[in-house]
Amino acid sequence: MFAYNQLLSFFKKPVQGKTSFGLEIFVAVLVKFLLLWGLWWLFFAGHKQPVDGVIIADKLFGEHHPALTSTPNKGH
């Protein structure tokens, strides 16, 4: 019962125009989470690009390195 009363006192209106620090912290954290979600959505939630090892190697090393090279076996 004590926890319930504490929770209710958290949301009570402030007296004489003063704001509750708990309410200010709650609003600040809520705004920060909304901003973080917006940044994530803007930069990371778009279309997913497939990752190809050959393309990544070309970007990192600047030349094409095929994973396997094979030559047909003639005459055996």
N, C-alpha and C. Protein backbone atom coordinates (compact mmCIF):
# COMPACT_ATOMS: atom_id res chain seq x y z
N MET A 1 0.82 -1.19 0.00
CA MET A 1 0.00 0.00 0.00
C MET A 1 0.87 1.26 0.00
N PHE A 2 2.02 1.18 0.69
CA PHE A 2 2.91 2.33 0.76
C PHE A 2 3.45 2.69 -0.63
N ALA A 3 3.80 1.68 -1.43
CA ALA A 3 4.31 1.94 -2.78
C ALA A 3 3.24 2.59 -3.65
N TYR A 4 2.00 2.15 -3.49
CA TYR A 4 0.91 2.73 -4.26
C TYR A 4 0.72 4.21 -3.91
N ASN A 5 0.80 4.54 -2.62
CA ASN A 5 0.68 5.94 -2.19
C ASN A 5 1.84 6.77 -2.71
N GLN A 6 3.04 6.20 -2.73
CA GLN A 6 4.20 6.92 -3.27
C GLN A 6 4.01 7.19 -4.75
N LEU A 7 3.48 6.20 -5.47
CA LEU A 7 3.24 6.37 -6.90
C LEU A 7 2.19 7.46 -7.15
N LEU A 8 1.15 7.48 -6.35
CA LEU A 8 0.13 8.51 -6.51
C LEU A 8 0.69 9.89 -6.18
N SER A 9 1.54 9.99 -5.17
CA SER A 9 2.11 11.29 -4.81
C SER A 9 3.05 11.79 -5.89
N PHE A 10 3.61 10.89 -6.68
CA PHE A 10 4.49 11.28 -7.78
C PHE A 10 3.72 12.10 -8.83
N PHE A 11 2.46 11.75 -9.07
CA PHE A 11 1.68 12.39 -10.11
C PHE A 11 0.76 13.50 -9.60
N LYS A 12 0.87 13.87 -8.33
CA LYS A 12 0.04 14.95 -7.81
C LYS A 12 0.46 16.28 -8.40
N LYS A 13 -0.48 17.18 -8.47
CA LYS A 13 -0.17 18.51 -9.00
C LYS A 13 0.72 19.26 -8.03
N PRO A 14 1.66 20.04 -8.54
CA PRO A 14 2.54 20.80 -7.66
C PRO A 14 1.77 21.92 -6.94
N VAL A 15 2.28 22.30 -5.78
CA VAL A 15 1.65 23.33 -4.96
C VAL A 15 2.23 24.69 -5.31
N GLN A 16 1.40 25.70 -5.45
CA GLN A 16 1.77 27.09 -5.67
C GLN A 16 2.64 27.29 -6.90
N GLY A 17 2.36 26.59 -7.97
CA GLY A 17 3.06 26.81 -9.24
C GLY A 17 4.43 26.19 -9.33
N LYS A 18 4.92 25.53 -8.29
CA LYS A 18 6.22 24.86 -8.35
C LYS A 18 6.04 23.51 -9.02
N THR A 19 7.04 23.11 -9.79
CA THR A 19 6.95 21.84 -10.46
C THR A 19 7.65 20.77 -9.65
N SER A 20 7.18 19.56 -9.78
CA SER A 20 7.77 18.43 -9.10
C SER A 20 9.01 17.97 -9.85
N PHE A 21 10.10 17.73 -9.12
CA PHE A 21 11.32 17.27 -9.78
C PHE A 21 11.13 15.91 -10.44
N GLY A 22 10.30 15.08 -9.82
CA GLY A 22 10.02 13.77 -10.40
C GLY A 22 9.35 13.89 -11.76
N LEU A 23 8.42 14.81 -11.86
CA LEU A 23 7.74 15.02 -13.14
C LEU A 23 8.69 15.61 -14.18
N GLU A 24 9.55 16.53 -13.76
CA GLU A 24 10.52 17.10 -14.69
C GLU A 24 11.48 16.04 -15.21
N ILE A 25 11.96 15.17 -14.33
CA ILE A 25 12.88 14.11 -14.74
C ILE A 25 12.17 13.14 -15.68
N PHE A 26 10.92 12.80 -15.36
CA PHE A 26 10.15 11.90 -16.21
C PHE A 26 10.00 12.49 -17.62
N VAL A 27 9.65 13.74 -17.71
CA VAL A 27 9.47 14.40 -19.01
C VAL A 27 10.81 14.47 -19.75
N ALA A 28 11.90 14.78 -19.05
CA ALA A 28 13.21 14.86 -19.70
C ALA A 28 13.64 13.51 -20.26
N VAL A 29 13.44 12.45 -19.49
CA VAL A 29 13.80 11.10 -19.95
C VAL A 29 12.91 10.70 -21.13
N LEU A 30 11.64 11.02 -21.06
CA LEU A 30 10.73 10.70 -22.16
C LEU A 30 11.15 11.41 -23.45
N VAL A 31 11.50 12.68 -23.35
CA VAL A 31 11.94 13.44 -24.53
C VAL A 31 13.23 12.85 -25.09
N LYS A 32 14.16 12.47 -24.21
CA LYS A 32 15.41 11.88 -24.69
C LYS A 32 15.17 10.56 -25.40
N PHE A 33 14.30 9.72 -24.86
CA PHE A 33 13.99 8.46 -25.54
C PHE A 33 13.32 8.71 -26.89
N LEU A 34 12.46 9.70 -26.96
CA LEU A 34 11.82 10.01 -28.25
C LEU A 34 12.85 10.51 -29.27
N LEU A 35 13.79 11.32 -28.82
CA LEU A 35 14.84 11.80 -29.73
C LEU A 35 15.75 10.66 -30.18
N LEU A 36 16.12 9.77 -29.26
CA LEU A 36 16.94 8.62 -29.64
C LEU A 36 16.21 7.71 -30.62
N TRP A 37 14.91 7.50 -30.39
CA TRP A 37 14.13 6.68 -31.31
C TRP A 37 14.07 7.34 -32.69
N GLY A 38 13.90 8.66 -32.71
CA GLY A 38 13.86 9.37 -33.99
C GLY A 38 15.18 9.27 -34.75
N LEU A 39 16.29 9.39 -34.04
CA LEU A 39 17.59 9.25 -34.69
C LEU A 39 17.79 7.84 -35.22
N TRP A 40 17.40 6.84 -34.42
CA TRP A 40 17.52 5.45 -34.89
C TRP A 40 16.67 5.23 -36.13
N TRP A 41 15.45 5.72 -36.10
CA TRP A 41 14.55 5.53 -37.24
C TRP A 41 15.10 6.22 -38.48
N LEU A 42 15.67 7.40 -38.28
CA LEU A 42 16.18 8.17 -39.41
C LEU A 42 17.39 7.51 -40.06
N PHE A 43 18.29 6.97 -39.27
CA PHE A 43 19.55 6.47 -39.82
C PHE A 43 19.63 4.96 -39.98
N PHE A 44 18.92 4.18 -39.16
CA PHE A 44 19.13 2.74 -39.16
C PHE A 44 17.93 1.90 -39.54
N ALA A 45 16.74 2.45 -39.58
CA ALA A 45 15.55 1.63 -39.78
C ALA A 45 15.10 1.59 -41.23
N GLY A 46 15.91 2.02 -42.16
CA GLY A 46 15.52 2.06 -43.56
C GLY A 46 15.63 0.70 -44.23
N HIS A 47 15.80 0.73 -45.52
CA HIS A 47 15.94 -0.50 -46.28
C HIS A 47 17.25 -1.17 -45.93
N LYS A 48 17.20 -2.47 -45.77
CA LYS A 48 18.39 -3.23 -45.42
C LYS A 48 19.14 -3.61 -46.69
N GLN A 49 20.43 -3.35 -46.69
CA GLN A 49 21.27 -3.71 -47.82
C GLN A 49 21.91 -5.07 -47.55
N PRO A 50 21.92 -5.95 -48.55
CA PRO A 50 22.58 -7.24 -48.33
C PRO A 50 24.10 -7.04 -48.22
N VAL A 51 24.72 -7.83 -47.36
CA VAL A 51 26.16 -7.74 -47.17
C VAL A 51 26.81 -8.80 -48.03
N ASP A 52 27.69 -8.39 -48.92
CA ASP A 52 28.40 -9.29 -49.81
C ASP A 52 29.89 -9.18 -49.50
N GLY A 53 30.53 -10.31 -49.21
CA GLY A 53 31.93 -10.32 -48.83
C GLY A 53 32.85 -9.76 -49.91
N VAL A 54 32.54 -10.03 -51.17
CA VAL A 54 33.38 -9.54 -52.26
C VAL A 54 33.30 -8.02 -52.36
N ILE A 55 32.11 -7.47 -52.21
CA ILE A 55 31.95 -6.01 -52.27
C ILE A 55 32.65 -5.35 -51.09
N ILE A 56 32.53 -5.93 -49.90
CA ILE A 56 33.19 -5.37 -48.73
C ILE A 56 34.71 -5.43 -48.89
N ALA A 57 35.24 -6.55 -49.39
CA ALA A 57 36.68 -6.66 -49.61
C ALA A 57 37.15 -5.64 -50.64
N ASP A 58 36.35 -5.41 -51.67
CA ASP A 58 36.70 -4.42 -52.67
C ASP A 58 36.74 -3.01 -52.06
N LYS A 59 35.79 -2.72 -51.19
CA LYS A 59 35.77 -1.41 -50.54
C LYS A 59 36.94 -1.24 -49.57
N LEU A 60 37.29 -2.30 -48.84
CA LEU A 60 38.35 -2.20 -47.85
C LEU A 60 39.75 -2.25 -48.47
N PHE A 61 39.95 -3.15 -49.40
CA PHE A 61 41.29 -3.38 -49.93
C PHE A 61 41.52 -2.78 -51.31
N GLY A 62 40.47 -2.35 -51.96
CA GLY A 62 40.61 -1.66 -53.23
C GLY A 62 40.85 -2.54 -54.44
N GLU A 63 40.77 -3.81 -54.27
CA GLU A 63 40.93 -4.71 -55.41
C GLU A 63 40.04 -5.92 -55.22
N HIS A 64 39.79 -6.61 -56.30
CA HIS A 64 38.88 -7.74 -56.29
C HIS A 64 39.66 -9.02 -56.00
N HIS A 65 39.26 -9.73 -54.94
CA HIS A 65 39.87 -11.01 -54.60
C HIS A 65 38.77 -12.07 -54.64
N PRO A 66 38.70 -12.85 -55.70
CA PRO A 66 37.66 -13.88 -55.72
C PRO A 66 37.95 -14.94 -54.66
N ALA A 67 36.90 -15.46 -54.07
CA ALA A 67 37.05 -16.43 -53.00
C ALA A 67 37.61 -17.76 -53.53
N LEU A 68 37.11 -18.24 -54.65
CA LEU A 68 37.57 -19.51 -55.22
C LEU A 68 37.85 -19.30 -56.70
N THR A 69 38.95 -19.83 -57.12
CA THR A 69 39.24 -19.83 -58.55
C THR A 69 39.39 -21.28 -58.97
N SER A 70 38.79 -21.61 -60.06
CA SER A 70 38.90 -23.00 -60.55
C SER A 70 39.19 -22.97 -62.03
N THR A 71 39.96 -23.95 -62.46
CA THR A 71 40.23 -24.12 -63.89
C THR A 71 39.76 -25.50 -64.27
N PRO A 72 39.19 -25.62 -65.43
CA PRO A 72 38.72 -26.96 -65.85
C PRO A 72 39.90 -27.91 -66.01
N ASN A 73 39.70 -29.14 -65.59
CA ASN A 73 40.73 -30.17 -65.68
C ASN A 73 40.64 -30.82 -67.04
N LYS A 74 41.65 -30.60 -67.89
CA LYS A 74 41.62 -31.16 -69.25
C LYS A 74 42.57 -32.35 -69.33
N GLY A 75 42.14 -33.36 -69.93
CA GLY A 75 43.00 -34.48 -70.28
C GLY A 75 43.10 -35.60 -69.27
N HIS A 76 42.62 -35.53 -68.12
CA HIS A 76 42.75 -36.66 -67.19
C HIS A 76 41.60 -37.54 -67.24
